[in-house]
mmCIF file of all heavy atoms, coordinates in Angstrom:
data_MODEL
# 
_entry.id   MODEL 
# 
loop_
_atom_site.group_PDB 
_atom_site.id 
_atom_site.type_symbol 
_atom_site.label_atom_id 
_atom_site.label_alt_id 
_atom_site.label_comp_id 
_atom_site.label_asym_id 
_atom_site.label_entity_id 
_atom_site.label_seq_id 
_atom_site.pdbx_PDB_ins_code 
_atom_site.Cartn_x 
_atom_site.Cartn_y 
_atom_site.Cartn_z 
_atom_site.occupancy 
_atom_site.B_iso_or_equiv 
_atom_site.pdbx_formal_charge 
_atom_site.auth_seq_id 
_atom_site.auth_comp_id 
_atom_site.auth_asym_id 
_atom_site.auth_atom_id 
_atom_site.pdbx_PDB_model_num 
ATOM 1   N N   . ALA A 1 1  ? 164.247 28.649 -38.809 1.00 0.00 ? 1  ALA A N   1 
ATOM 2   C CA  . ALA A 1 1  ? 164.659 28.965 -40.239 1.00 0.00 ? 1  ALA A CA  1 
ATOM 3   C C   . ALA A 1 1  ? 163.468 29.864 -40.750 1.00 0.00 ? 1  ALA A C   1 
ATOM 4   O O   . ALA A 1 1  ? 163.721 30.783 -41.484 1.00 0.00 ? 1  ALA A O   1 
ATOM 5   C CB  . ALA A 1 1  ? 164.800 27.673 -41.021 1.00 0.00 ? 1  ALA A CB  1 
ATOM 6   N N   . ALA A 1 2  ? 162.229 29.520 -40.488 1.00 0.00 ? 2  ALA A N   1 
ATOM 7   C CA  . ALA A 1 2  ? 161.069 30.394 -40.948 1.00 0.00 ? 2  ALA A CA  1 
ATOM 8   C C   . ALA A 1 2  ? 161.229 31.719 -40.344 1.00 0.00 ? 2  ALA A C   1 
ATOM 9   O O   . ALA A 1 2  ? 160.870 32.741 -41.035 1.00 0.00 ? 2  ALA A O   1 
ATOM 10  C CB  . ALA A 1 2  ? 159.737 29.779 -40.449 1.00 0.00 ? 2  ALA A CB  1 
ATOM 11  N N   . GLY A 1 3  ? 161.501 31.873 -39.015 1.00 0.00 ? 3  GLY A N   1 
ATOM 12  C CA  . GLY A 1 3  ? 161.791 33.188 -38.454 1.00 0.00 ? 3  GLY A CA  1 
ATOM 13  C C   . GLY A 1 3  ? 162.780 34.013 -39.151 1.00 0.00 ? 3  GLY A C   1 
ATOM 14  O O   . GLY A 1 3  ? 162.668 35.144 -39.392 1.00 0.00 ? 3  GLY A O   1 
ATOM 15  N N   . ILE A 1 4  ? 163.876 33.380 -39.521 1.00 0.00 ? 4  ILE A N   1 
ATOM 16  C CA  . ILE A 1 4  ? 165.007 34.086 -40.164 1.00 0.00 ? 4  ILE A CA  1 
ATOM 17  C C   . ILE A 1 4  ? 164.447 34.612 -41.676 1.00 0.00 ? 4  ILE A C   1 
ATOM 18  O O   . ILE A 1 4  ? 164.813 35.723 -41.894 1.00 0.00 ? 4  ILE A O   1 
ATOM 19  C CB  . ILE A 1 4  ? 166.215 33.098 -40.463 1.00 0.00 ? 4  ILE A CB  1 
ATOM 20  C CG1 . ILE A 1 4  ? 166.686 32.687 -39.024 1.00 0.00 ? 4  ILE A CG1 1 
ATOM 21  C CG2 . ILE A 1 4  ? 167.267 33.678 -41.322 1.00 0.00 ? 4  ILE A CG2 1 
ATOM 22  C CD1 . ILE A 1 4  ? 167.841 31.649 -39.067 1.00 0.00 ? 4  ILE A CD1 1 
ATOM 23  N N   . ALA A 1 5  ? 163.714 33.731 -42.363 1.00 0.00 ? 5  ALA A N   1 
ATOM 24  C CA  . ALA A 1 5  ? 163.246 34.072 -43.587 1.00 0.00 ? 5  ALA A CA  1 
ATOM 25  C C   . ALA A 1 5  ? 162.344 35.361 -43.438 1.00 0.00 ? 5  ALA A C   1 
ATOM 26  O O   . ALA A 1 5  ? 162.286 36.352 -44.252 1.00 0.00 ? 5  ALA A O   1 
ATOM 27  C CB  . ALA A 1 5  ? 162.503 32.924 -44.160 1.00 0.00 ? 5  ALA A CB  1 
ATOM 28  N N   . SER A 1 6  ? 161.455 35.432 -42.325 1.00 0.00 ? 6  SER A N   1 
ATOM 29  C CA  . SER A 1 6  ? 160.583 36.517 -42.055 1.00 0.00 ? 6  SER A CA  1 
ATOM 30  C C   . SER A 1 6  ? 161.367 37.823 -41.839 1.00 0.00 ? 6  SER A C   1 
ATOM 31  O O   . SER A 1 6  ? 161.064 38.862 -42.243 1.00 0.00 ? 6  SER A O   1 
ATOM 32  C CB  . SER A 1 6  ? 159.569 36.258 -41.017 1.00 0.00 ? 6  SER A CB  1 
ATOM 33  O OG  . SER A 1 6  ? 158.694 37.330 -40.716 1.00 0.00 ? 6  SER A OG  1 
ATOM 34  N N   . LEU A 1 7  ? 162.387 37.586 -40.926 1.00 0.00 ? 7  LEU A N   1 
ATOM 35  C CA  . LEU A 1 7  ? 163.210 38.741 -40.518 1.00 0.00 ? 7  LEU A CA  1 
ATOM 36  C C   . LEU A 1 7  ? 163.955 39.354 -41.646 1.00 0.00 ? 7  LEU A C   1 
ATOM 37  O O   . LEU A 1 7  ? 164.239 40.535 -41.621 1.00 0.00 ? 7  LEU A O   1 
ATOM 38  C CB  . LEU A 1 7  ? 164.213 38.169 -39.480 1.00 0.00 ? 7  LEU A CB  1 
ATOM 39  C CG  . LEU A 1 7  ? 165.128 39.292 -38.842 1.00 0.00 ? 7  LEU A CG  1 
ATOM 40  C CD1 . LEU A 1 7  ? 164.297 40.230 -37.852 1.00 0.00 ? 7  LEU A CD1 1 
ATOM 41  C CD2 . LEU A 1 7  ? 166.248 38.636 -37.913 1.00 0.00 ? 7  LEU A CD2 1 
ATOM 42  N N   . TRP A 1 8  ? 164.194 38.620 -42.686 1.00 0.00 ? 8  TRP A N   1 
ATOM 43  C CA  . TRP A 1 8  ? 165.045 39.136 -43.810 1.00 0.00 ? 8  TRP A CA  1 
ATOM 44  C C   . TRP A 1 8  ? 164.324 40.268 -44.541 1.00 0.00 ? 8  TRP A C   1 
ATOM 45  O O   . TRP A 1 8  ? 164.884 41.048 -45.145 1.00 0.00 ? 8  TRP A O   1 
ATOM 46  C CB  . TRP A 1 8  ? 165.311 37.877 -44.768 1.00 0.00 ? 8  TRP A CB  1 
ATOM 47  C CG  . TRP A 1 8  ? 166.344 38.112 -45.819 1.00 0.00 ? 8  TRP A CG  1 
ATOM 48  C CD1 . TRP A 1 8  ? 167.049 39.414 -46.030 1.00 0.00 ? 8  TRP A CD1 1 
ATOM 49  C CD2 . TRP A 1 8  ? 166.591 37.217 -46.879 1.00 0.00 ? 8  TRP A CD2 1 
ATOM 50  N NE1 . TRP A 1 8  ? 167.845 39.209 -47.117 1.00 0.00 ? 8  TRP A NE1 1 
ATOM 51  C CE2 . TRP A 1 8  ? 167.608 38.051 -47.605 1.00 0.00 ? 8  TRP A CE2 1 
ATOM 52  C CE3 . TRP A 1 8  ? 166.253 35.943 -47.177 1.00 0.00 ? 8  TRP A CE3 1 
ATOM 53  C CZ2 . TRP A 1 8  ? 168.255 37.284 -48.747 1.00 0.00 ? 8  TRP A CZ2 1 
ATOM 54  C CZ3 . TRP A 1 8  ? 166.878 35.407 -48.299 1.00 0.00 ? 8  TRP A CZ3 1 
ATOM 55  C CH2 . TRP A 1 8  ? 167.858 35.934 -48.995 1.00 0.00 ? 8  TRP A CH2 1 
ATOM 56  N N   . GLY A 1 9  ? 163.001 40.369 -44.450 1.00 0.00 ? 9  GLY A N   1 
ATOM 57  C CA  . GLY A 1 9  ? 162.205 41.361 -45.076 1.00 0.00 ? 9  GLY A CA  1 
ATOM 58  C C   . GLY A 1 9  ? 162.527 42.790 -44.707 1.00 0.00 ? 9  GLY A C   1 
ATOM 59  O O   . GLY A 1 9  ? 162.968 43.030 -43.625 1.00 0.00 ? 9  GLY A O   1 
ATOM 60  N N   . PRO A 1 10 ? 162.859 43.694 -45.773 1.00 0.00 ? 10 PRO A N   1 
ATOM 61  C CA  . PRO A 1 10 ? 163.199 44.939 -45.504 1.00 0.00 ? 10 PRO A CA  1 
ATOM 62  C C   . PRO A 1 10 ? 162.472 45.812 -44.561 1.00 0.00 ? 10 PRO A C   1 
ATOM 63  O O   . PRO A 1 10 ? 162.863 46.757 -43.784 1.00 0.00 ? 10 PRO A O   1 
ATOM 64  C CB  . PRO A 1 10 ? 163.321 45.680 -46.899 1.00 0.00 ? 10 PRO A CB  1 
ATOM 65  C CG  . PRO A 1 10 ? 162.403 44.859 -47.640 1.00 0.00 ? 10 PRO A CG  1 
ATOM 66  C CD  . PRO A 1 10 ? 162.398 43.370 -47.187 1.00 0.00 ? 10 PRO A CD  1 
ATOM 67  N N   . ALA A 1 11 ? 161.058 45.413 -44.386 1.00 0.00 ? 11 ALA A N   1 
ATOM 68  C CA  . ALA A 1 11 ? 160.164 46.208 -43.475 1.00 0.00 ? 11 ALA A CA  1 
ATOM 69  C C   . ALA A 1 11 ? 160.375 45.731 -42.068 1.00 0.00 ? 11 ALA A C   1 
ATOM 70  O O   . ALA A 1 11 ? 159.836 46.298 -41.103 1.00 0.00 ? 11 ALA A O   1 
ATOM 71  C CB  . ALA A 1 11 ? 158.763 45.958 -43.918 1.00 0.00 ? 11 ALA A CB  1 
ATOM 72  N N   . HIS A 1 12 ? 161.280 44.682 -41.788 1.00 0.00 ? 12 HIS A N   1 
ATOM 73  C CA  . HIS A 1 12 ? 161.385 44.071 -40.479 1.00 0.00 ? 12 HIS A CA  1 
ATOM 74  C C   . HIS A 1 12 ? 162.793 44.265 -40.044 1.00 0.00 ? 12 HIS A C   1 
ATOM 75  O O   . HIS A 1 12 ? 163.239 45.180 -39.339 1.00 0.00 ? 12 HIS A O   1 
ATOM 76  C CB  . HIS A 1 12 ? 160.911 42.719 -40.469 1.00 0.00 ? 12 HIS A CB  1 
ATOM 77  C CG  . HIS A 1 12 ? 160.879 42.049 -39.186 1.00 0.00 ? 12 HIS A CG  1 
ATOM 78  N ND1 . HIS A 1 12 ? 161.042 42.698 -37.986 1.00 0.00 ? 12 HIS A ND1 1 
ATOM 79  C CD2 . HIS A 1 12 ? 160.616 40.722 -38.752 1.00 0.00 ? 12 HIS A CD2 1 
ATOM 80  C CE1 . HIS A 1 12 ? 160.912 41.895 -36.987 1.00 0.00 ? 12 HIS A CE1 1 
ATOM 81  N NE2 . HIS A 1 12 ? 160.643 40.645 -37.458 1.00 0.00 ? 12 HIS A NE2 1 
ATOM 82  N N   . GLY A 1 13 ? 163.740 43.302 -40.429 1.00 0.00 ? 13 GLY A N   1 
ATOM 83  C CA  . GLY A 1 13 ? 165.003 43.205 -39.967 1.00 0.00 ? 13 GLY A CA  1 
ATOM 84  C C   . GLY A 1 13 ? 166.061 44.097 -40.830 1.00 0.00 ? 13 GLY A C   1 
ATOM 85  O O   . GLY A 1 13 ? 167.214 44.277 -40.410 1.00 0.00 ? 13 GLY A O   1 
ATOM 86  N N   . GLY A 1 14 ? 165.634 44.621 -41.875 1.00 0.00 ? 14 GLY A N   1 
ATOM 87  C CA  . GLY A 1 14 ? 166.557 45.238 -42.718 1.00 0.00 ? 14 GLY A CA  1 
ATOM 88  C C   . GLY A 1 14 ? 166.529 46.868 -42.470 1.00 0.00 ? 14 GLY A C   1 
ATOM 89  O O   . GLY A 1 14 ? 167.145 47.473 -43.270 1.00 0.00 ? 14 GLY A O   1 
ATOM 90  N N   . ALA A 1 15 ? 166.032 47.311 -41.418 1.00 0.00 ? 15 ALA A N   1 
ATOM 91  C CA  . ALA A 1 15 ? 165.886 48.689 -41.222 1.00 0.00 ? 15 ALA A CA  1 
ATOM 92  C C   . ALA A 1 15 ? 167.311 49.324 -40.918 1.00 0.00 ? 15 ALA A C   1 
ATOM 93  O O   . ALA A 1 15 ? 167.575 50.444 -41.413 1.00 0.00 ? 15 ALA A O   1 
ATOM 94  C CB  . ALA A 1 15 ? 165.052 49.032 -39.914 1.00 0.00 ? 15 ALA A CB  1 
ATOM 95  N N   . ASN A 1 16 ? 168.323 48.684 -40.233 1.00 0.00 ? 16 ASN A N   1 
ATOM 96  C CA  . ASN A 1 16 ? 169.665 49.311 -40.114 1.00 0.00 ? 16 ASN A CA  1 
ATOM 97  C C   . ASN A 1 16 ? 170.291 49.215 -41.402 1.00 0.00 ? 16 ASN A C   1 
ATOM 98  O O   . ASN A 1 16 ? 171.219 50.128 -41.601 1.00 0.00 ? 16 ASN A O   1 
ATOM 99  C CB  . ASN A 1 16 ? 170.305 48.673 -38.883 1.00 0.00 ? 16 ASN A CB  1 
ATOM 100 C CG  . ASN A 1 16 ? 170.417 47.136 -38.960 1.00 0.00 ? 16 ASN A CG  1 
ATOM 101 O OD1 . ASN A 1 16 ? 169.971 46.522 -39.983 1.00 0.00 ? 16 ASN A OD1 1 
ATOM 102 N ND2 . ASN A 1 16 ? 170.629 46.575 -37.850 1.00 0.00 ? 16 ASN A ND2 1 
ATOM 103 N N   . GLU A 1 17 ? 170.078 48.371 -42.177 1.00 0.00 ? 17 GLU A N   1 
ATOM 104 C CA  . GLU A 1 17 ? 170.708 48.408 -43.513 1.00 0.00 ? 17 GLU A CA  1 
ATOM 105 C C   . GLU A 1 17 ? 170.217 49.578 -44.291 1.00 0.00 ? 17 GLU A C   1 
ATOM 106 O O   . GLU A 1 17 ? 171.033 50.277 -44.920 1.00 0.00 ? 17 GLU A O   1 
ATOM 107 C CB  . GLU A 1 17 ? 170.349 47.108 -44.383 1.00 0.00 ? 17 GLU A CB  1 
ATOM 108 C CG  . GLU A 1 17 ? 171.071 45.865 -43.938 1.00 0.00 ? 17 GLU A CG  1 
ATOM 109 C CD  . GLU A 1 17 ? 170.828 44.719 -44.903 1.00 0.00 ? 17 GLU A CD  1 
ATOM 110 O OE1 . GLU A 1 17 ? 170.919 44.962 -46.188 1.00 0.00 ? 17 GLU A OE1 1 
ATOM 111 O OE2 . GLU A 1 17 ? 170.723 43.595 -44.413 1.00 0.00 ? 17 GLU A OE2 1 
ATOM 112 N N   . ALA A 1 18 ? 169.007 49.960 -44.236 1.00 0.00 ? 18 ALA A N   1 
ATOM 113 C CA  . ALA A 1 18 ? 168.346 50.995 -44.890 1.00 0.00 ? 18 ALA A CA  1 
ATOM 114 C C   . ALA A 1 18 ? 168.918 52.408 -44.391 1.00 0.00 ? 18 ALA A C   1 
ATOM 115 O O   . ALA A 1 18 ? 169.080 53.308 -45.139 1.00 0.00 ? 18 ALA A O   1 
ATOM 116 C CB  . ALA A 1 18 ? 166.851 51.085 -44.693 1.00 0.00 ? 18 ALA A CB  1 
ATOM 117 N N   . VAL A 1 19 ? 169.272 52.454 -43.058 1.00 0.00 ? 19 VAL A N   1 
ATOM 118 C CA  . VAL A 1 19 ? 170.025 53.577 -42.667 1.00 0.00 ? 19 VAL A CA  1 
ATOM 119 C C   . VAL A 1 19 ? 171.293 53.830 -43.230 1.00 0.00 ? 19 VAL A C   1 
ATOM 120 O O   . VAL A 1 19 ? 171.586 55.067 -43.673 1.00 0.00 ? 19 VAL A O   1 
ATOM 121 C CB  . VAL A 1 19 ? 170.292 53.422 -41.006 1.00 0.00 ? 19 VAL A CB  1 
ATOM 122 C CG1 . VAL A 1 19 ? 171.198 54.548 -40.501 1.00 0.00 ? 19 VAL A CG1 1 
ATOM 123 C CG2 . VAL A 1 19 ? 168.950 53.397 -40.205 1.00 0.00 ? 19 VAL A CG2 1 
ATOM 124 N N   . LEU A 1 20 ? 172.030 52.846 -43.382 1.00 0.00 ? 20 LEU A N   1 
ATOM 125 C CA  . LEU A 1 20 ? 173.371 52.988 -44.107 1.00 0.00 ? 20 LEU A CA  1 
ATOM 126 C C   . LEU A 1 20 ? 173.229 53.370 -45.614 1.00 0.00 ? 20 LEU A C   1 
ATOM 127 O O   . LEU A 1 20 ? 173.882 54.216 -46.199 1.00 0.00 ? 20 LEU A O   1 
ATOM 128 C CB  . LEU A 1 20 ? 174.215 51.692 -44.009 1.00 0.00 ? 20 LEU A CB  1 
ATOM 129 C CG  . LEU A 1 20 ? 175.106 51.608 -42.888 1.00 0.00 ? 20 LEU A CG  1 
ATOM 130 C CD1 . LEU A 1 20 ? 176.223 52.562 -43.017 1.00 0.00 ? 20 LEU A CD1 1 
ATOM 131 C CD2 . LEU A 1 20 ? 174.388 51.749 -41.576 1.00 0.00 ? 20 LEU A CD2 1 
ATOM 132 N N   . ARG A 1 21 ? 172.152 52.810 -46.304 1.00 0.00 ? 21 ARG A N   1 
ATOM 133 C CA  . ARG A 1 21 ? 171.845 53.188 -47.613 1.00 0.00 ? 21 ARG A CA  1 
ATOM 134 C C   . ARG A 1 21 ? 171.470 54.727 -47.827 1.00 0.00 ? 21 ARG A C   1 
ATOM 135 O O   . ARG A 1 21 ? 171.910 55.417 -48.625 1.00 0.00 ? 21 ARG A O   1 
ATOM 136 C CB  . ARG A 1 21 ? 170.748 52.353 -48.240 1.00 0.00 ? 21 ARG A CB  1 
ATOM 137 C CG  . ARG A 1 21 ? 171.189 50.945 -48.512 1.00 0.00 ? 21 ARG A CG  1 
ATOM 138 C CD  . ARG A 1 21 ? 170.242 50.200 -49.470 1.00 0.00 ? 21 ARG A CD  1 
ATOM 139 N NE  . ARG A 1 21 ? 168.974 50.076 -48.800 1.00 0.00 ? 21 ARG A NE  1 
ATOM 140 C CZ  . ARG A 1 21 ? 168.622 48.929 -47.967 1.00 0.00 ? 21 ARG A CZ  1 
ATOM 141 N NH1 . ARG A 1 21 ? 169.510 48.004 -47.852 1.00 0.00 ? 21 ARG A NH1 1 
ATOM 142 N NH2 . ARG A 1 21 ? 167.378 48.848 -47.535 1.00 0.00 ? 21 ARG A NH2 1 
ATOM 143 N N   . MET A 1 22 ? 170.555 55.142 -46.688 1.00 0.00 ? 22 MET A N   1 
ATOM 144 C CA  . MET A 1 22 ? 170.294 56.621 -46.663 1.00 0.00 ? 22 MET A CA  1 
ATOM 145 C C   . MET A 1 22 ? 171.536 57.433 -46.462 1.00 0.00 ? 22 MET A C   1 
ATOM 146 O O   . MET A 1 22 ? 171.641 58.554 -47.169 1.00 0.00 ? 22 MET A O   1 
ATOM 147 C CB  . MET A 1 22 ? 169.380 56.777 -45.596 1.00 0.00 ? 22 MET A CB  1 
ATOM 148 C CG  . MET A 1 22 ? 168.925 58.237 -45.319 1.00 0.00 ? 22 MET A CG  1 
ATOM 149 S SD  . MET A 1 22 ? 167.990 58.459 -43.658 1.00 0.00 ? 22 MET A SD  1 
ATOM 150 C CE  . MET A 1 22 ? 169.423 58.317 -42.559 1.00 0.00 ? 22 MET A CE  1 
ATOM 151 N N   . LEU A 1 23 ? 172.439 57.136 -45.583 1.00 0.00 ? 23 LEU A N   1 
ATOM 152 C CA  . LEU A 1 23 ? 173.519 57.821 -45.425 1.00 0.00 ? 23 LEU A CA  1 
ATOM 153 C C   . LEU A 1 23 ? 174.536 57.915 -46.690 1.00 0.00 ? 23 LEU A C   1 
ATOM 154 O O   . LEU A 1 23 ? 175.020 59.000 -46.928 1.00 0.00 ? 23 LEU A O   1 
ATOM 155 C CB  . LEU A 1 23 ? 174.325 57.318 -44.243 1.00 0.00 ? 23 LEU A CB  1 
ATOM 156 C CG  . LEU A 1 23 ? 173.683 57.342 -42.875 1.00 0.00 ? 23 LEU A CG  1 
ATOM 157 C CD1 . LEU A 1 23 ? 174.535 56.688 -41.750 1.00 0.00 ? 23 LEU A CD1 1 
ATOM 158 C CD2 . LEU A 1 23 ? 173.324 58.719 -42.363 1.00 0.00 ? 23 LEU A CD2 1 
ATOM 159 N N   . THR A 1 24 ? 174.497 56.842 -47.385 1.00 0.00 ? 24 THR A N   1 
ATOM 160 C CA  . THR A 1 24 ? 175.255 56.835 -48.585 1.00 0.00 ? 24 THR A CA  1 
ATOM 161 C C   . THR A 1 24 ? 174.571 57.736 -49.713 1.00 0.00 ? 24 THR A C   1 
ATOM 162 O O   . THR A 1 24 ? 175.185 58.408 -50.346 1.00 0.00 ? 24 THR A O   1 
ATOM 163 C CB  . THR A 1 24 ? 175.265 55.286 -49.111 1.00 0.00 ? 24 THR A CB  1 
ATOM 164 O OG1 . THR A 1 24 ? 175.943 54.485 -48.277 1.00 0.00 ? 24 THR A OG1 1 
ATOM 165 C CG2 . THR A 1 24 ? 176.122 55.302 -50.415 1.00 0.00 ? 24 THR A CG2 1 
ATOM 166 N N   . GLU A 1 25 ? 173.364 57.732 -49.661 1.00 0.00 ? 25 GLU A N   1 
ATOM 167 C CA  . GLU A 1 25 ? 172.500 58.746 -50.568 1.00 0.00 ? 25 GLU A CA  1 
ATOM 168 C C   . GLU A 1 25 ? 172.850 60.057 -50.214 1.00 0.00 ? 25 GLU A C   1 
ATOM 169 O O   . GLU A 1 25 ? 173.038 60.974 -51.131 1.00 0.00 ? 25 GLU A O   1 
ATOM 170 C CB  . GLU A 1 25 ? 171.083 58.351 -50.434 1.00 0.00 ? 25 GLU A CB  1 
ATOM 171 C CG  . GLU A 1 25 ? 170.230 59.332 -51.538 1.00 0.00 ? 25 GLU A CG  1 
ATOM 172 C CD  . GLU A 1 25 ? 168.789 58.998 -51.402 1.00 0.00 ? 25 GLU A CD  1 
ATOM 173 O OE1 . GLU A 1 25 ? 168.338 58.174 -50.653 1.00 0.00 ? 25 GLU A OE1 1 
ATOM 174 O OE2 . GLU A 1 25 ? 167.921 59.689 -52.086 1.00 0.00 ? 25 GLU A OE2 1 
ATOM 175 N N   . ILE A 1 26 ? 172.838 60.455 -48.926 1.00 0.00 ? 26 ILE A N   1 
ATOM 176 C CA  . ILE A 1 26 ? 173.110 61.900 -48.444 1.00 0.00 ? 26 ILE A CA  1 
ATOM 177 C C   . ILE A 1 26 ? 174.521 62.249 -48.907 1.00 0.00 ? 26 ILE A C   1 
ATOM 178 O O   . ILE A 1 26 ? 174.757 63.393 -49.446 1.00 0.00 ? 26 ILE A O   1 
ATOM 179 C CB  . ILE A 1 26 ? 172.968 62.113 -46.869 1.00 0.00 ? 26 ILE A CB  1 
ATOM 180 C CG1 . ILE A 1 26 ? 171.510 61.875 -46.646 1.00 0.00 ? 26 ILE A CG1 1 
ATOM 181 C CG2 . ILE A 1 26 ? 173.371 63.492 -46.486 1.00 0.00 ? 26 ILE A CG2 1 
ATOM 182 C CD1 . ILE A 1 26 ? 171.248 61.837 -45.046 1.00 0.00 ? 26 ILE A CD1 1 
ATOM 183 N N   . ALA A 1 27 ? 175.507 61.399 -48.710 1.00 0.00 ? 27 ALA A N   1 
ATOM 184 C CA  . ALA A 1 27 ? 176.841 61.401 -49.256 1.00 0.00 ? 27 ALA A CA  1 
ATOM 185 C C   . ALA A 1 27 ? 177.764 62.526 -48.657 1.00 0.00 ? 27 ALA A C   1 
ATOM 186 O O   . ALA A 1 27 ? 178.995 62.348 -48.610 1.00 0.00 ? 27 ALA A O   1 
ATOM 187 C CB  . ALA A 1 27 ? 176.904 61.574 -50.759 1.00 0.00 ? 27 ALA A CB  1 
ATOM 188 N N   . ASN A 1 28 ? 177.203 63.593 -48.231 1.00 0.00 ? 28 ASN A N   1 
ATOM 189 C CA  . ASN A 1 28 ? 178.064 64.763 -47.648 1.00 0.00 ? 28 ASN A CA  1 
ATOM 190 C C   . ASN A 1 28 ? 177.265 65.523 -46.665 1.00 0.00 ? 28 ASN A C   1 
ATOM 191 O O   . ASN A 1 28 ? 176.126 65.730 -46.590 1.00 0.00 ? 28 ASN A O   1 
ATOM 192 C CB  . ASN A 1 28 ? 178.406 65.670 -48.806 1.00 0.00 ? 28 ASN A CB  1 
ATOM 193 C CG  . ASN A 1 28 ? 179.417 66.722 -48.413 1.00 0.00 ? 28 ASN A CG  1 
ATOM 194 O OD1 . ASN A 1 28 ? 179.301 67.584 -47.627 1.00 0.00 ? 28 ASN A OD1 1 
ATOM 195 N ND2 . ASN A 1 28 ? 180.562 66.553 -49.041 1.00 0.00 ? 28 ASN A ND2 1 
ATOM 196 N N   . LYS A 1 29 ? 177.962 65.899 -45.545 1.00 0.00 ? 29 LYS A N   1 
ATOM 197 C CA  . LYS A 1 29 ? 177.367 66.615 -44.460 1.00 0.00 ? 29 LYS A CA  1 
ATOM 198 C C   . LYS A 1 29 ? 176.656 67.845 -44.848 1.00 0.00 ? 29 LYS A C   1 
ATOM 199 O O   . LYS A 1 29 ? 175.683 68.346 -44.372 1.00 0.00 ? 29 LYS A O   1 
ATOM 200 C CB  . LYS A 1 29 ? 178.351 66.971 -43.283 1.00 0.00 ? 29 LYS A CB  1 
ATOM 201 C CG  . LYS A 1 29 ? 178.862 65.945 -42.490 1.00 0.00 ? 29 LYS A CG  1 
ATOM 202 C CD  . LYS A 1 29 ? 179.456 66.262 -41.269 1.00 0.00 ? 29 LYS A CD  1 
ATOM 203 C CE  . LYS A 1 29 ? 180.707 67.007 -41.392 1.00 0.00 ? 29 LYS A CE  1 
ATOM 204 N NZ  . LYS A 1 29 ? 181.349 67.307 -40.086 1.00 0.00 ? 29 LYS A NZ  1 
# 
């Protein structure tokens, strides 16, 4: 459970979420 809490941090396990947010920001090819 402690490992899950640490992984939740955006600098660790949230990197692929950040990719999708970036693609949303770009919005158009």
